[in-house]
Amino acid sequence: MTHNLLRATATLAGPTHARTRLTTLRRRLITIAARVTRTARHITLRLPQDWPWATDFTQLFTTIHAPPHPA
């Protein structure tokens, strides 16, 4: 089950991660050094400034949280 979920995550993250190994995917997208901050009812995830996979993570996040396509 974990393998299938990580493969789906890799596919949604973009074409560069679609064929990466699971350990590489974990190292690049899942185990990141980020801070969660809370101010005035807003929760913010602060990612590192020079993180090379920030655009892939942002694409994954927006794809997952987008409304579903109508059937």
PDB file of N, CA and C in Angstrom:
ATOM      1  N   MET A   1       0.825  -1.178   0.000  1.00  0.00           N
ATOM      2  CA  MET A   1       0.000   0.000   0.000  1.00  0.00           C
ATOM      3  C   MET A   1       0.879   1.255   0.000  1.00  0.00           C
ATOM      4  N   THR A   2       1.897   1.274   0.836  1.00  0.00           N
ATOM      5  CA  THR A   2       2.803   2.427   0.882  1.00  0.00           C
ATOM      6  C   THR A   2       3.503   2.618  -0.453  1.00  0.00           C
ATOM      7  N   HIS A   3       3.915   1.530  -1.043  1.00  0.00           N
ATOM      8  CA  HIS A   3       4.590   1.606  -2.341  1.00  0.00           C
ATOM      9  C   HIS A   3       3.679   2.254  -3.381  1.00  0.00           C
ATOM     10  N   ASN A   4       2.432   1.838  -3.431  1.00  0.00           N
ATOM     11  CA  ASN A   4       1.502   2.390  -4.418  1.00  0.00           C
ATOM     12  C   ASN A   4       1.214   3.865  -4.157  1.00  0.00           C
ATOM     13  N   LEU A   5       1.082   4.257  -2.903  1.00  0.00           N
ATOM     14  CA  LEU A   5       0.851   5.664  -2.588  1.00  0.00           C
ATOM     15  C   LEU A   5       2.052   6.528  -2.950  1.00  0.00           C
ATOM     16  N   LEU A   6       3.255   6.031  -2.700  1.00  0.00           N
ATOM     17  CA  LEU A   6       4.445   6.792  -3.070  1.00  0.00           C
ATOM     18  C   LEU A   6       4.614   6.879  -4.581  1.00  0.00           C
ATOM     19  N   ARG A   7       4.248   5.831  -5.306  1.00  0.00           N
ATOM     20  CA  ARG A   7       4.318   5.887  -6.772  1.00  0.00           C
ATOM     21  C   ARG A   7       3.322   6.910  -7.309  1.00  0.00           C
ATOM     22  N   ALA A   8       2.123   6.962  -6.725  1.00  0.00           N
ATOM     23  CA  ALA A   8       1.140   7.955  -7.154  1.00  0.00           C
ATOM     24  C   ALA A   8       1.630   9.359  -6.823  1.00  0.00           C
ATOM     25  N   THR A   9       2.244   9.536  -5.668  1.00  0.00           N
ATOM     26  CA  THR A   9       2.804  10.826  -5.279  1.00  0.00           C
ATOM     27  C   THR A   9       3.894  11.253  -6.253  1.00  0.00           C
ATOM     28  N   ALA A  10       4.747  10.321  -6.628  1.00  0.00           N
ATOM     29  CA  ALA A  10       5.823  10.635  -7.566  1.00  0.00           C
ATOM     30  C   ALA A  10       5.267  11.057  -8.916  1.00  0.00           C
ATOM     31  N   THR A  11       4.211  10.413  -9.359  1.00  0.00           N
ATOM     32  CA  THR A  11       3.603  10.767 -10.634  1.00  0.00           C
ATOM     33  C   THR A  11       2.973  12.155 -10.583  1.00  0.00           C
ATOM     34  N   LEU A  12       2.340  12.483  -9.458  1.00  0.00           N
ATOM     35  CA  LEU A  12       1.717  13.800  -9.325  1.00  0.00           C
ATOM     36  C   LEU A  12       2.743  14.913  -9.143  1.00  0.00           C
ATOM     37  N   ALA A  13       3.929  14.585  -8.647  1.00  0.00           N
ATOM     38  CA  ALA A  13       4.956  15.599  -8.408  1.00  0.00           C
ATOM     39  C   ALA A  13       5.566  16.123  -9.699  1.00  0.00           C
ATOM     40  N   GLY A  14       5.444  15.392 -10.756  1.00  0.00           N
ATOM     41  CA  GLY A  14       5.977  15.869 -12.029  1.00  0.00           C
ATOM     42  C   GLY A  14       6.749  14.793 -12.758  1.00  0.00           C
ATOM     43  N   PRO A  15       7.103  15.080 -13.995  1.00  0.00           N
ATOM     44  CA  PRO A  15       7.775  14.068 -14.806  1.00  0.00           C
ATOM     45  C   PRO A  15       9.184  13.720 -14.326  1.00  0.00           C
ATOM     46  N   THR A  16       9.837  14.619 -13.608  1.00  0.00           N
ATOM     47  CA  THR A  16      11.191  14.308 -13.141  1.00  0.00           C
ATOM     48  C   THR A  16      11.187  13.272 -12.032  1.00  0.00           C
ATOM     49  N   HIS A  17      10.096  13.198 -11.286  1.00  0.00           N
ATOM     50  CA  HIS A  17      10.026  12.247 -10.177  1.00  0.00           C
ATOM     51  C   HIS A  17       9.256  10.986 -10.523  1.00  0.00           C
ATOM     52  N   ALA A  18       8.691  10.909 -11.704  1.00  0.00           N
ATOM     53  CA  ALA A  18       7.850   9.766 -12.061  1.00  0.00           C
ATOM     54  C   ALA A  18       8.623   8.454 -12.076  1.00  0.00           C
ATOM     55  N   ARG A  19       9.918   8.503 -12.367  1.00  0.00           N
ATOM     56  CA  ARG A  19      10.690   7.260 -12.448  1.00  0.00           C
ATOM     57  C   ARG A  19      11.782   7.168 -11.388  1.00  0.00           C
ATOM     58  N   THR A  20      11.734   8.004 -10.366  1.00  0.00           N
ATOM     59  CA  THR A  20      12.754   7.944  -9.322  1.00  0.00           C
ATOM     60  C   THR A  20      12.476   6.787  -8.374  1.00  0.00           C
ATOM     61  N   ARG A  21      13.514   6.374  -7.676  1.00  0.00           N
ATOM     62  CA  ARG A  21      13.365   5.309  -6.683  1.00  0.00           C
ATOM     63  C   ARG A  21      12.664   5.860  -5.451  1.00  0.00           C
ATOM     64  N   LEU A  22      12.075   4.975  -4.678  1.00  0.00           N
ATOM     65  CA  LEU A  22      11.308   5.411  -3.512  1.00  0.00           C
ATOM     66  C   LEU A  22      12.186   6.074  -2.458  1.00  0.00           C
ATOM     67  N   THR A  23      13.409   5.608  -2.290  1.00  0.00           N
ATOM     68  CA  THR A  23      14.294   6.249  -1.313  1.00  0.00           C
ATOM     69  C   THR A  23      14.641   7.677  -1.740  1.00  0.00           C
ATOM     70  N   THR A  24      14.839   7.872  -3.028  1.00  0.00           N
ATOM     71  CA  THR A  24      15.118   9.216  -3.535  1.00  0.00           C
ATOM     72  C   THR A  24      13.895  10.114  -3.365  1.00  0.00           C
ATOM     73  N   LEU A  25      12.726   9.572  -3.619  1.00  0.00           N
ATOM     74  CA  LEU A  25      11.499  10.346  -3.448  1.00  0.00           C
ATOM     75  C   LEU A  25      11.313  10.740  -1.985  1.00  0.00           C
ATOM     76  N   ARG A  26      11.558   9.820  -1.072  1.00  0.00           N
ATOM     77  CA  ARG A  26      11.452  10.146   0.348  1.00  0.00           C
ATOM     78  C   ARG A  26      12.437  11.235   0.732  1.00  0.00           C
ATOM     79  N   ARG A  27      13.661  11.135   0.249  1.00  0.00           N
ATOM     80  CA  ARG A  27      14.693  12.110   0.602  1.00  0.00           C
ATOM     81  C   ARG A  27      14.398  13.488   0.016  1.00  0.00           C
ATOM     82  N   ARG A  28      13.840  13.551  -1.187  1.00  0.00           N
ATOM     83  CA  ARG A  28      13.623  14.833  -1.849  1.00  0.00           C
ATOM     84  C   ARG A  28      12.315  15.525  -1.468  1.00  0.00           C
ATOM     85  N   LEU A  29      11.233  14.761  -1.319  1.00  0.00           N
ATOM     86  CA  LEU A  29       9.927  15.394  -1.137  1.00  0.00           C
ATOM     87  C   LEU A  29       9.275  15.159   0.217  1.00  0.00           C
ATOM     88  N   ILE A  30       9.586  14.091   0.878  1.00  0.00           N
ATOM     89  CA  ILE A  30       8.861  13.767   2.106  1.00  0.00           C
ATOM     90  C   ILE A  30       9.607  14.221   3.348  1.00  0.00           C
ATOM     91  N   THR A  31      10.880  13.934   3.443  1.00  0.00           N
ATOM     92  CA  THR A  31      11.648  14.334   4.622  1.00  0.00           C
ATOM     93  C   THR A  31      12.344  15.660   4.348  1.00  0.00           C
ATOM     94  N   ILE A  32      11.623  16.740   4.556  1.00  0.00           N
ATOM     95  CA  ILE A  32      12.170  18.072   4.305  1.00  0.00           C
ATOM     96  C   ILE A  32      12.268  18.832   5.613  1.00  0.00           C
ATOM     97  N   ALA A  33      13.202  19.727   5.668  1.00  0.00           N
ATOM     98  CA  ALA A  33      13.363  20.571   6.849  1.00  0.00           C
ATOM     99  C   ALA A  33      12.496  21.805   6.674  1.00  0.00           C
ATOM    100  N   ALA A  34      11.319  21.784   7.266  1.00  0.00           N
ATOM    101  CA  ALA A  34      10.392  22.897   7.141  1.00  0.00           C
ATOM    102  C   ALA A  34       9.860  23.260   8.519  1.00  0.00           C
ATOM    103  N   ARG A  35       9.355  24.486   8.618  1.00  0.00           N
ATOM    104  CA  ARG A  35       8.751  24.941   9.867  1.00  0.00           C
ATOM    105  C   ARG A  35       7.282  25.234   9.632  1.00  0.00           C
ATOM    106  N   VAL A  36       6.470  24.862  10.602  1.00  0.00           N
ATOM    107  CA  VAL A  36       5.054  25.201  10.566  1.00  0.00           C
ATOM    108  C   VAL A  36       4.856  26.368  11.522  1.00  0.00           C
ATOM    109  N   THR A  37       4.327  27.469  11.002  1.00  0.00           N
ATOM    110  CA  THR A  37       4.086  28.650  11.837  1.00  0.00           C
ATOM    111  C   THR A  37       2.591  28.943  11.863  1.00  0.00           C
ATOM    112  N   ARG A  38       2.134  29.466  12.985  1.00  0.00           N
ATOM    113  CA  ARG A  38       0.720  29.821  13.148  1.00  0.00           C
ATOM    114  C   ARG A  38       0.619  31.272  13.586  1.00  0.00           C
ATOM    115  N   THR A  39      -0.111  32.057  12.818  1.00  0.00           N
ATOM    116  CA  THR A  39      -0.377  33.447  13.187  1.00  0.00           C
ATOM    117  C   THR A  39      -1.774  33.810  12.728  1.00  0.00           C
ATOM    118  N   ALA A  40      -2.544  34.370  13.614  1.00  0.00           N
ATOM    119  CA  ALA A  40      -3.870  34.906  13.303  1.00  0.00           C
ATOM    120  C   ALA A  40      -4.721  33.950  12.465  1.00  0.00           C
ATOM    121  N   ARG A  41      -4.894  32.770  12.927  1.00  0.00           N
ATOM    122  CA  ARG A  41      -5.724  31.741  12.280  1.00  0.00           C
ATOM    123  C   ARG A  41      -5.181  31.224  10.961  1.00  0.00           C
ATOM    124  N   HIS A  42      -3.935  31.479  10.650  1.00  0.00           N
ATOM    125  CA  HIS A  42      -3.317  30.982   9.417  1.00  0.00           C
ATOM    126  C   HIS A  42      -2.179  30.045   9.776  1.00  0.00           C
ATOM    127  N   ILE A  43      -2.143  28.910   9.126  1.00  0.00           N
ATOM    128  CA  ILE A  43      -1.038  27.971   9.291  1.00  0.00           C
ATOM    129  C   ILE A  43      -0.192  28.055   8.030  1.00  0.00           C
ATOM    130  N   THR A  44       1.096  28.292   8.213  1.00  0.00           N
ATOM    131  CA  THR A  44       2.011  28.469   7.086  1.00  0.00           C
ATOM    132  C   THR A  44       3.126  27.444   7.180  1.00  0.00           C
ATOM    133  N   LEU A  45       3.458  26.834   6.044  1.00  0.00           N
ATOM    134  CA  LEU A  45       4.587  25.916   5.964  1.00  0.00           C
ATOM    135  C   LEU A  45       5.750  26.676   5.344  1.00  0.00           C
ATOM    136  N   ARG A  46       6.817  26.857   6.085  1.00  0.00           N
ATOM    137  CA  ARG A  46       7.996  27.580   5.600  1.00  0.00           C
ATOM    138  C   ARG A  46       9.034  26.581   5.110  1.00  0.00           C
ATOM    139  N   LEU A  47       9.288  26.613   3.813  1.00  0.00           N
ATOM    140  CA  LEU A  47      10.263  25.722   3.182  1.00  0.00           C
ATOM    141  C   LEU A  47      11.605  26.431   3.083  1.00  0.00           C
ATOM    142  N   PRO A  48      12.703  25.683   2.952  1.00  0.00           N
ATOM    143  CA  PRO A  48      14.012  26.311   2.799  1.00  0.00           C
ATOM    144  C   PRO A  48      14.083  27.163   1.518  1.00  0.00           C
ATOM    145  N   GLN A  49      14.834  28.252   1.565  1.00  0.00           N
ATOM    146  CA  GLN A  49      14.956  29.170   0.427  1.00  0.00           C
ATOM    147  C   GLN A  49      15.643  28.530  -0.778  1.00  0.00           C
ATOM    148  N   ASP A  50      16.705  27.801  -0.555  1.00  0.00           N
ATOM    149  CA  ASP A  50      17.493  27.250  -1.660  1.00  0.00           C
ATOM    150  C   ASP A  50      17.222  25.764  -1.886  1.00  0.00           C
ATOM    151  N   TRP A  51      16.039  25.292  -1.562  1.00  0.00           N
ATOM    152  CA  TRP A  51      15.676  23.888  -1.731  1.00  0.00           C
ATOM    153  C   TRP A  51      15.419  23.623  -3.207  1.00  0.00           C
ATOM    154  N   PRO A  52      16.158  22.713  -3.848  1.00  0.00           N
ATOM    155  CA  PRO A  52      16.042  22.536  -5.295  1.00  0.00           C
ATOM    156  C   PRO A  52      14.726  21.926  -5.767  1.00  0.00           C
ATOM    157  N   TRP A  53      13.960  21.286  -4.890  1.00  0.00           N
ATOM    158  CA  TRP A  53      12.724  20.631  -5.300  1.00  0.00           C
ATOM    159  C   TRP A  53      11.492  21.369  -4.801  1.00  0.00           C
ATOM    160  N   ALA A  54      11.604  22.655  -4.549  1.00  0.00           N
ATOM    161  CA  ALA A  54      10.473  23.444  -4.052  1.00  0.00           C
ATOM    162  C   ALA A  54       9.354  23.528  -5.082  1.00  0.00           C
ATOM    163  N   THR A  55       9.690  23.692  -6.348  1.00  0.00           N
ATOM    164  CA  THR A  55       8.642  23.781  -7.373  1.00  0.00           C
ATOM    165  C   THR A  55       7.911  22.454  -7.528  1.00  0.00           C
ATOM    166  N   ASP A  56       8.631  21.338  -7.428  1.00  0.00           N
ATOM    167  CA  ASP A  56       7.983  20.030  -7.522  1.00  0.00           C
ATOM    168  C   ASP A  56       7.064  19.792  -6.328  1.00  0.00           C
ATOM    169  N   PHE A  57       7.491  20.204  -5.140  1.00  0.00           N
ATOM    170  CA  PHE A  57       6.659  20.062  -3.956  1.00  0.00           C
ATOM    171  C   PHE A  57       5.416  20.948  -4.057  1.00  0.00           C
ATOM    172  N   THR A  58       5.576  22.158  -4.557  1.00  0.00           N
ATOM    173  CA  THR A  58       4.443  23.059  -4.727  1.00  0.00           C
ATOM    174  C   THR A  58       3.459  22.511  -5.752  1.00  0.00           C
ATOM    175  N   GLN A  59       3.966  21.944  -6.838  1.00  0.00           N
ATOM    176  CA  GLN A  59       3.100  21.339  -7.849  1.00  0.00           C
ATOM    177  C   GLN A  59       2.340  20.158  -7.257  1.00  0.00           C
ATOM    178  N   LEU A  60       3.001  19.333  -6.475  1.00  0.00           N
ATOM    179  CA  LEU A  60       2.351  18.202  -5.820  1.00  0.00           C
ATOM    180  C   LEU A  60       1.266  18.693  -4.876  1.00  0.00           C
ATOM    181  N   PHE A  61       1.561  19.713  -4.084  1.00  0.00           N
ATOM    182  CA  PHE A  61       0.604  20.237  -3.115  1.00  0.00           C
ATOM    183  C   PHE A  61      -0.635  20.806  -3.803  1.00  0.00           C
ATOM    184  N   THR A  62      -0.438  21.590  -4.848  1.00  0.00           N
ATOM    185  CA  THR A  62      -1.587  22.180  -5.535  1.00  0.00           C
ATOM    186  C   THR A  62      -2.397  21.122  -6.281  1.00  0.00           C
ATOM    187  N   THR A  63      -1.755  20.100  -6.806  1.00  0.00           N
ATOM    188  CA  THR A  63      -2.472  19.026  -7.489  1.00  0.00           C
ATOM    189  C   THR A  63      -3.327  18.236  -6.514  1.00  0.00           C
ATOM    190  N   ILE A  64      -2.791  17.953  -5.350  1.00  0.00           N
ATOM    191  CA  ILE A  64      -3.534  17.176  -4.365  1.00  0.00           C
ATOM    192  C   ILE A  64      -4.715  17.973  -3.811  1.00  0.00           C
ATOM    193  N   HIS A  65      -4.542  19.268  -3.610  1.00  0.00           N
ATOM    194  CA  HIS A  65      -5.598  20.073  -3.002  1.00  0.00           C
ATOM    195  C   HIS A  65      -6.533  20.740  -4.003  1.00  0.00           C
ATOM    196  N   ALA A  66      -6.392  20.445  -5.263  1.00  0.00           N
ATOM    197  CA  ALA A  66      -7.300  20.999  -6.271  1.00  0.00           C
ATOM    198  C   ALA A  66      -8.628  20.251  -6.226  1.00  0.00           C
ATOM    199  N   PRO A  67      -9.709  20.906  -6.620  1.00  0.00           N
ATOM    200  CA  PRO A  67     -10.986  20.195  -6.653  1.00  0.00           C
ATOM    201  C   PRO A  67     -10.959  19.103  -7.720  1.00  0.00           C
ATOM    202  N   PRO A  68     -11.698  18.026  -7.512  1.00  0.00           N
ATOM    203  CA  PRO A  68     -11.672  16.926  -8.488  1.00  0.00           C
ATOM    204  C   PRO A  68     -12.311  17.323  -9.816  1.00  0.00           C
ATOM    205  N   HIS A  69     -11.866  16.684 -10.865  1.00  0.00           N
ATOM    206  CA  HIS A  69     -12.421  16.935 -12.200  1.00  0.00           C
ATOM    207  C   HIS A  69     -13.794  16.276 -12.298  1.00  0.00           C
ATOM    208  N   PRO A  70     -14.740  16.924 -12.957  1.00  0.00           N
ATOM    209  CA  PRO A  70     -16.060  16.287 -13.114  1.00  0.00           C
ATOM    210  C   PRO A  70     -15.971  15.076 -14.045  1.00  0.00           C
ATOM    211  N   ALA A  71     -16.780  14.107 -13.769  1.00  0.00           N
ATOM    212  CA  ALA A  71     -16.746  12.859 -14.544  1.00  0.00           C
ATOM    213  C   ALA A  71     -17.378  12.986 -15.898  1.00  0.00           C
TER     214      ALA A  71
END
